[in-house]
Every structure is written in structure tokens, then in C-alpha cells.
PDB file of all heavy atoms in Angstrom:
ATOM      1  N   GLU A   1      -5.022  -5.812   6.010  1.00  0.00           N
ATOM      2  CA  GLU A   1      -4.735  -6.146   7.421  1.00  0.00           C
ATOM      3  C   GLU A   1      -3.393  -6.037   7.891  1.00  0.00           C
ATOM      4  O   GLU A   1      -3.133  -5.604   9.074  1.00  0.00           O
ATOM      5  CB  GLU A   1      -5.297  -7.663   7.649  1.00  0.00           C
ATOM      6  CG  GLU A   1      -6.832  -7.902   7.515  1.00  0.00           C
ATOM      7  CD  GLU A   1      -7.162  -9.339   7.642  1.00  0.00           C
ATOM      8  OE1 GLU A   1      -6.323 -10.094   8.001  1.00  0.00           O
ATOM      9  OE2 GLU A   1      -8.404  -9.712   7.666  1.00  0.00           O
ATOM     10  N   ALA A   2      -2.448  -6.384   6.974  1.00  0.00           N
ATOM     11  CA  ALA A   2      -1.024  -6.247   7.321  1.00  0.00           C
ATOM     12  C   ALA A   2      -0.635  -4.811   7.559  1.00  0.00           C
ATOM     13  O   ALA A   2      -0.004  -4.472   8.509  1.00  0.00           O
ATOM     14  CB  ALA A   2      -0.194  -6.935   6.231  1.00  0.00           C
ATOM     15  N   VAL A   3      -1.122  -3.969   6.538  1.00  0.00           N
ATOM     16  CA  VAL A   3      -0.803  -2.499   6.756  1.00  0.00           C
ATOM     17  C   VAL A   3      -1.524  -1.910   8.094  1.00  0.00           C
ATOM     18  O   VAL A   3      -0.917  -1.116   8.778  1.00  0.00           O
ATOM     19  CB  VAL A   3      -1.216  -1.776   5.440  1.00  0.00           C
ATOM     20  CG1 VAL A   3      -1.118  -0.246   5.768  1.00  0.00           C
ATOM     21  CG2 VAL A   3      -0.397  -2.146   4.389  1.00  0.00           C
ATOM     22  N   ALA A   4      -2.777  -2.365   8.205  1.00  0.00           N
ATOM     23  CA  ALA A   4      -3.448  -1.784   9.350  1.00  0.00           C
ATOM     24  C   ALA A   4      -2.870  -2.190  10.666  1.00  0.00           C
ATOM     25  O   ALA A   4      -2.660  -1.293  11.625  1.00  0.00           O
ATOM     26  CB  ALA A   4      -5.014  -2.222   9.335  1.00  0.00           C
ATOM     27  N   GLY A   5      -2.421  -3.400  10.846  1.00  0.00           N
ATOM     28  CA  GLY A   5      -1.801  -3.862  11.973  1.00  0.00           C
ATOM     29  C   GLY A   5      -0.440  -3.151  12.282  1.00  0.00           C
ATOM     30  O   GLY A   5      -0.200  -2.886  13.378  1.00  0.00           O
ATOM     31  N   PHE A   6       0.272  -3.103  11.101  1.00  0.00           N
ATOM     32  CA  PHE A   6       1.491  -2.471  11.242  1.00  0.00           C
ATOM     33  C   PHE A   6       1.410  -0.949  11.783  1.00  0.00           C
ATOM     34  O   PHE A   6       2.162  -0.449  12.568  1.00  0.00           O
ATOM     35  CB  PHE A   6       2.286  -2.514   9.888  1.00  0.00           C
ATOM     36  CG  PHE A   6       3.646  -1.723   9.926  1.00  0.00           C
ATOM     37  CD1 PHE A   6       4.861  -2.278  10.336  1.00  0.00           C
ATOM     38  CD2 PHE A   6       3.768  -0.463   9.202  1.00  0.00           C
ATOM     39  CE1 PHE A   6       5.893  -1.590  10.304  1.00  0.00           C
ATOM     40  CE2 PHE A   6       4.898   0.197   9.225  1.00  0.00           C
ATOM     41  CZ  PHE A   6       6.106  -0.353   9.770  1.00  0.00           C
ATOM     42  N   THR A   7       0.565  -0.175  11.049  1.00  0.00           N
ATOM     43  CA  THR A   7       0.463   1.215  11.392  1.00  0.00           C
ATOM     44  C   THR A   7      -0.064   1.352  12.816  1.00  0.00           C
ATOM     45  O   THR A   7       0.295   2.369  13.520  1.00  0.00           O
ATOM     46  CB  THR A   7      -0.487   2.008  10.433  1.00  0.00           C
ATOM     47  OG1 THR A   7      -1.767   1.272  10.294  1.00  0.00           O
ATOM     48  CG2 THR A   7       0.114   1.999   9.018  1.00  0.00           C
ATOM     49  N   LEU A   8      -0.969   0.499  13.183  1.00  0.00           N
ATOM     50  CA  LEU A   8      -1.467   0.600  14.664  1.00  0.00           C
ATOM     51  C   LEU A   8      -0.323   0.487  15.629  1.00  0.00           C
ATOM     52  O   LEU A   8      -0.169   1.209  16.609  1.00  0.00           O
ATOM     53  CB  LEU A   8      -2.456  -0.477  14.906  1.00  0.00           C
ATOM     54  CG  LEU A   8      -3.101  -0.513  16.237  1.00  0.00           C
ATOM     55  CD1 LEU A   8      -3.864   0.923  16.601  1.00  0.00           C
ATOM     56  CD2 LEU A   8      -4.130  -1.659  16.389  1.00  0.00           C
ATOM     57  N   ALA A   9       0.544  -0.648  15.338  1.00  0.00           N
ATOM     58  CA  ALA A   9       1.550  -0.953  16.252  1.00  0.00           C
ATOM     59  C   ALA A   9       2.758   0.216  16.240  1.00  0.00           C
ATOM     60  O   ALA A   9       3.431   0.386  17.247  1.00  0.00           O
ATOM     61  CB  ALA A   9       2.320  -2.309  15.788  1.00  0.00           C
ATOM     62  N   GLU A  10       2.869   0.744  15.164  1.00  0.00           N
ATOM     63  CA  GLU A  10       3.844   1.834  15.010  1.00  0.00           C
ATOM     64  C   GLU A  10       3.437   3.294  15.218  1.00  0.00           C
ATOM     65  O   GLU A  10       4.252   4.279  15.139  1.00  0.00           O
ATOM     66  CB  GLU A  10       4.526   1.816  13.653  1.00  0.00           C
ATOM     67  CG  GLU A  10       5.247   0.552  13.229  1.00  0.00           C
ATOM     68  CD  GLU A  10       6.499   0.351  13.989  1.00  0.00           C
ATOM     69  OE1 GLU A  10       6.991   1.301  14.586  1.00  0.00           O
ATOM     70  OE2 GLU A  10       6.907  -0.906  14.316  1.00  0.00           O
ATOM     71  N   GLY A  11       2.107   3.444  15.418  1.00  0.00           N
ATOM     72  CA  GLY A  11       1.564   4.680  15.808  1.00  0.00           C
ATOM     73  C   GLY A  11       1.559   5.588  14.545  1.00  0.00           C
ATOM     74  O   GLY A  11       1.797   6.927  14.621  1.00  0.00           O
ATOM     75  N   ILE A  12       1.232   5.053  13.405  1.00  0.00           N
ATOM     76  CA  ILE A  12       1.131   5.806  12.110  1.00  0.00           C
ATOM     77  C   ILE A  12      -0.280   6.045  11.755  1.00  0.00           C
ATOM     78  O   ILE A  12      -1.072   5.074  11.756  1.00  0.00           O
ATOM     79  CB  ILE A  12       1.962   5.148  11.011  1.00  0.00           C
ATOM     80  CG1 ILE A  12       3.367   5.003  11.390  1.00  0.00           C
ATOM     81  CG2 ILE A  12       1.765   5.790   9.697  1.00  0.00           C
ATOM     82  CD1 ILE A  12       4.218   4.160  10.503  1.00  0.00           C
ATOM     83  N   GLU A  13      -0.674   7.176  11.216  1.00  0.00           N
ATOM     84  CA  GLU A  13      -2.118   7.463  10.808  1.00  0.00           C
ATOM     85  C   GLU A  13      -2.151   7.407   9.280  1.00  0.00           C
ATOM     86  O   GLU A  13      -1.358   8.024   8.538  1.00  0.00           O
ATOM     87  CB  GLU A  13      -2.434   8.878  11.168  1.00  0.00           C
ATOM     88  CG  GLU A  13      -3.846   9.201  10.718  1.00  0.00           C
ATOM     89  CD  GLU A  13      -4.162  10.614  11.086  1.00  0.00           C
ATOM     90  OE1 GLU A  13      -3.305  11.442  11.425  1.00  0.00           O
ATOM     91  OE2 GLU A  13      -5.380  11.079  10.756  1.00  0.00           O
ATOM     92  N   LEU A  14      -3.003   6.435   8.807  1.00  0.00           N
ATOM     93  CA  LEU A  14      -3.192   6.394   7.398  1.00  0.00           C
ATOM     94  C   LEU A  14      -4.193   7.560   6.823  1.00  0.00           C
ATOM     95  O   LEU A  14      -5.319   7.585   7.338  1.00  0.00           O
ATOM     96  CB  LEU A  14      -3.761   5.123   6.919  1.00  0.00           C
ATOM     97  CG  LEU A  14      -2.896   3.817   7.046  1.00  0.00           C
ATOM     98  CD1 LEU A  14      -3.633   2.534   6.625  1.00  0.00           C
ATOM     99  CD2 LEU A  14      -1.665   4.119   6.106  1.00  0.00           C
ATOM    100  N   ILE A  15      -3.634   8.455   6.000  1.00  0.00           N
ATOM    101  CA  ILE A  15      -4.484   9.597   5.544  1.00  0.00           C
ATOM    102  C   ILE A  15      -4.902   9.326   4.170  1.00  0.00           C
ATOM    103  O   ILE A  15      -5.609  10.196   3.543  1.00  0.00           O
ATOM    104  CB  ILE A  15      -3.559  10.841   5.622  1.00  0.00           C
ATOM    105  CG1 ILE A  15      -2.402  10.755   4.596  1.00  0.00           C
ATOM    106  CG2 ILE A  15      -3.325  11.129   7.013  1.00  0.00           C
ATOM    107  CD1 ILE A  15      -1.670  12.041   4.666  1.00  0.00           C
ATOM    108  N   GLY A  16      -4.789   8.183   3.557  1.00  0.00           N
ATOM    109  CA  GLY A  16      -5.280   7.794   2.270  1.00  0.00           C
ATOM    110  C   GLY A  16      -4.813   6.419   1.784  1.00  0.00           C
ATOM    111  O   GLY A  16      -3.955   5.913   2.426  1.00  0.00           O
ATOM    112  N   HIS A  17      -5.424   5.879   0.759  1.00  0.00           N
ATOM    113  CA  HIS A  17      -5.016   4.686   0.234  1.00  0.00           C
ATOM    114  C   HIS A  17      -5.318   4.566  -1.264  1.00  0.00           C
ATOM    115  O   HIS A  17      -6.193   5.207  -1.757  1.00  0.00           O
ATOM    116  CB  HIS A  17      -5.726   3.495   0.998  1.00  0.00           C
ATOM    117  CG  HIS A  17      -7.214   3.355   0.710  1.00  0.00           C
ATOM    118  ND1 HIS A  17      -8.127   3.993   1.461  1.00  0.00           N
ATOM    119  CD2 HIS A  17      -7.926   2.720  -0.279  1.00  0.00           C
ATOM    120  CE1 HIS A  17      -9.378   3.790   1.035  1.00  0.00           C
ATOM    121  NE2 HIS A  17      -9.246   3.096  -0.006  1.00  0.00           N
ATOM    122  N   HIS A  18      -4.579   3.688  -1.960  1.00  0.00           N
ATOM    123  CA  HIS A  18      -4.740   3.638  -3.459  1.00  0.00           C
ATOM    124  C   HIS A  18      -4.644   2.201  -3.811  1.00  0.00           C
ATOM    125  O   HIS A  18      -3.707   1.441  -3.277  1.00  0.00           O
ATOM    126  CB  HIS A  18      -3.704   4.384  -4.193  1.00  0.00           C
ATOM    127  CG  HIS A  18      -3.775   5.919  -3.877  1.00  0.00           C
ATOM    128  ND1 HIS A  18      -4.354   6.721  -4.872  1.00  0.00           N
ATOM    129  CD2 HIS A  18      -3.201   6.679  -2.907  1.00  0.00           C
ATOM    130  CE1 HIS A  18      -4.323   8.000  -4.362  1.00  0.00           C
ATOM    131  NE2 HIS A  18      -3.570   7.973  -3.187  1.00  0.00           N
ATOM    132  N   ILE A  19      -5.582   1.647  -4.604  1.00  0.00           N
ATOM    133  CA  ILE A  19      -5.567   0.282  -5.013  1.00  0.00           C
ATOM    134  C   ILE A  19      -5.372   0.022  -6.415  1.00  0.00           C
ATOM    135  O   ILE A  19      -5.969   0.775  -7.222  1.00  0.00           O
ATOM    136  CB  ILE A  19      -6.932  -0.344  -4.665  1.00  0.00           C
ATOM    137  CG1 ILE A  19      -7.161  -0.230  -3.069  1.00  0.00           C
ATOM    138  CG2 ILE A  19      -6.986  -1.814  -5.008  1.00  0.00           C
ATOM    139  CD1 ILE A  19      -8.545  -0.597  -2.672  1.00  0.00           C
ATOM    140  N   GLU A  20      -4.505  -0.840  -6.808  1.00  0.00           N
ATOM    141  CA  GLU A  20      -4.005  -1.066  -8.306  1.00  0.00           C
ATOM    142  C   GLU A  20      -4.339  -2.415  -8.669  1.00  0.00           C
ATOM    143  O   GLU A  20      -4.182  -3.395  -7.807  1.00  0.00           O
ATOM    144  CB  GLU A  20      -2.569  -0.773  -8.426  1.00  0.00           C
ATOM    145  CG  GLU A  20      -2.175  -0.522  -9.928  1.00  0.00           C
ATOM    146  CD  GLU A  20      -2.137   0.882 -10.134  1.00  0.00           C
ATOM    147  OE1 GLU A  20      -1.259   1.735  -9.541  1.00  0.00           O
ATOM    148  OE2 GLU A  20      -2.878   1.457 -10.966  1.00  0.00           O
ATOM    149  N   VAL A  21      -4.830  -2.609  -9.801  1.00  0.00           N
ATOM    150  CA  VAL A  21      -5.057  -3.910 -10.422  1.00  0.00           C
ATOM    151  C   VAL A  21      -4.141  -3.974 -11.632  1.00  0.00           C
ATOM    152  O   VAL A  21      -4.509  -3.409 -12.724  1.00  0.00           O
ATOM    153  CB  VAL A  21      -6.525  -4.288 -10.779  1.00  0.00           C
ATOM    154  CG1 VAL A  21      -6.528  -5.643 -11.392  1.00  0.00           C
ATOM    155  CG2 VAL A  21      -7.404  -4.146  -9.506  1.00  0.00           C
ATOM    156  N   GLU A  22      -2.959  -4.488 -11.417  1.00  0.00           N
ATOM    157  CA  GLU A  22      -1.931  -4.446 -12.556  1.00  0.00           C
ATOM    158  C   GLU A  22      -0.916  -5.496 -12.360  1.00  0.00           C
ATOM    159  O   GLU A  22      -0.455  -5.811 -11.341  1.00  0.00           O
ATOM    160  CB  GLU A  22      -1.371  -3.031 -12.705  1.00  0.00           C
ATOM    161  CG  GLU A  22      -0.196  -2.917 -13.703  1.00  0.00           C
ATOM    162  CD  GLU A  22      -0.624  -3.231 -15.097  1.00  0.00           C
ATOM    163  OE1 GLU A  22      -1.716  -2.833 -15.582  1.00  0.00           O
ATOM    164  OE2 GLU A  22       0.100  -4.263 -15.658  1.00  0.00           O
ATOM    165  N   THR A  23      -0.396  -6.102 -13.468  1.00  0.00           N
ATOM    166  CA  THR A  23       0.605  -7.035 -13.321  1.00  0.00           C
ATOM    167  C   THR A  23       1.980  -6.473 -12.793  1.00  0.00           C
ATOM    168  O   THR A  23       2.778  -7.080 -12.079  1.00  0.00           O
ATOM    169  CB  THR A  23       0.955  -7.809 -14.564  1.00  0.00           C
ATOM    170  OG1 THR A  23       1.420  -6.807 -15.548  1.00  0.00           O
ATOM    171  CG2 THR A  23      -0.318  -8.429 -15.069  1.00  0.00           C
ATOM    172  N   GLY A  24       2.293  -5.152 -13.247  1.00  0.00           N
ATOM    173  CA  GLY A  24       3.478  -4.521 -12.924  1.00  0.00           C
ATOM    174  C   GLY A  24       4.789  -4.883 -13.483  1.00  0.00           C
ATOM    175  O   GLY A  24       5.886  -4.579 -13.093  1.00  0.00           O
ATOM    176  N   LYS A  25       4.664  -5.748 -14.588  1.00  0.00           N
ATOM    177  CA  LYS A  25       5.851  -6.210 -15.303  1.00  0.00           C
ATOM    178  C   LYS A  25       6.100  -5.233 -16.454  1.00  0.00           C
ATOM    179  O   LYS A  25       5.277  -4.624 -17.001  1.00  0.00           O
ATOM    180  CB  LYS A  25       5.518  -7.649 -15.914  1.00  0.00           C
ATOM    181  CG  LYS A  25       5.349  -8.698 -14.780  1.00  0.00           C
ATOM    182  CD  LYS A  25       5.074 -10.059 -15.443  1.00  0.00           C
ATOM    183  CE  LYS A  25       4.946 -11.114 -14.312  1.00  0.00           C
ATOM    184  NZ  LYS A  25       4.549 -12.493 -14.901  1.00  0.00           N
ATOM    185  N   GLY A  26       7.441  -5.207 -16.831  1.00  0.00           N
ATOM    186  CA  GLY A  26       7.840  -4.492 -18.114  1.00  0.00           C
ATOM    187  C   GLY A  26       8.379  -3.171 -17.615  1.00  0.00           C
ATOM    188  O   GLY A  26       8.324  -2.685 -16.573  1.00  0.00           O
ATOM    189  N   ALA A  27       9.194  -2.564 -18.615  1.00  0.00           N
ATOM    190  CA  ALA A  27       9.895  -1.362 -18.405  1.00  0.00           C
ATOM    191  C   ALA A  27       8.953  -0.146 -18.265  1.00  0.00           C
ATOM    192  O   ALA A  27       9.302   0.799 -17.420  1.00  0.00           O
ATOM    193  CB  ALA A  27      10.807  -1.031 -19.567  1.00  0.00           C
ATOM    194  N   ASP A  28       7.748  -0.252 -18.718  1.00  0.00           N
ATOM    195  CA  ASP A  28       6.752   0.875 -18.569  1.00  0.00           C
ATOM    196  C   ASP A  28       5.887   0.647 -17.535  1.00  0.00           C
ATOM    197  O   ASP A  28       4.678   1.130 -17.427  1.00  0.00           O
ATOM    198  CB  ASP A  28       6.058   0.975 -19.976  1.00  0.00           C
ATOM    199  CG  ASP A  28       5.204  -0.152 -20.231  1.00  0.00           C
ATOM    200  OD1 ASP A  28       5.417  -1.212 -19.791  1.00  0.00           O
ATOM    201  OD2 ASP A  28       4.310   0.011 -21.118  1.00  0.00           O
ATOM    202  N   ALA A  29       6.152  -0.160 -16.427  1.00  0.00           N
ATOM    203  CA  ALA A  29       5.265  -0.606 -15.443  1.00  0.00           C
ATOM    204  C   ALA A  29       4.594   0.599 -14.744  1.00  0.00           C
ATOM    205  O   ALA A  29       3.412   0.625 -14.348  1.00  0.00           O
ATOM    206  CB  ALA A  29       5.922  -1.502 -14.379  1.00  0.00           C
ATOM    207  N   LEU A  30       5.574   1.577 -14.367  1.00  0.00           N
ATOM    208  CA  LEU A  30       4.937   2.745 -13.717  1.00  0.00           C
ATOM    209  C   LEU A  30       4.015   3.526 -14.495  1.00  0.00           C
ATOM    210  O   LEU A  30       2.970   4.027 -13.975  1.00  0.00           O
ATOM    211  CB  LEU A  30       6.163   3.788 -13.382  1.00  0.00           C
ATOM    212  CG  LEU A  30       5.788   4.952 -12.437  1.00  0.00           C
ATOM    213  CD1 LEU A  30       4.999   4.454 -11.196  1.00  0.00           C
ATOM    214  CD2 LEU A  30       6.997   5.697 -12.088  1.00  0.00           C
TER     215      LEU A  30
END
């Protein structure tokens, strides 16, 4: 909702999305 509202207000078209389920901690996070 936050991204959708922001892109609508700024006139930006979303051409794709990616969803991650990950803690993101540690040096090898990427």
C-alpha cells in the first residue's frame, strides 16, 4: 500500500515486483 500510494502520487509506473522472506542479517545477507 505504501509503495502503491507513493508511485501513484509521484507518477511512477511499477513494471515488476519481488517479494523476499528473509531475516537479512549477516555479512552474506545478499
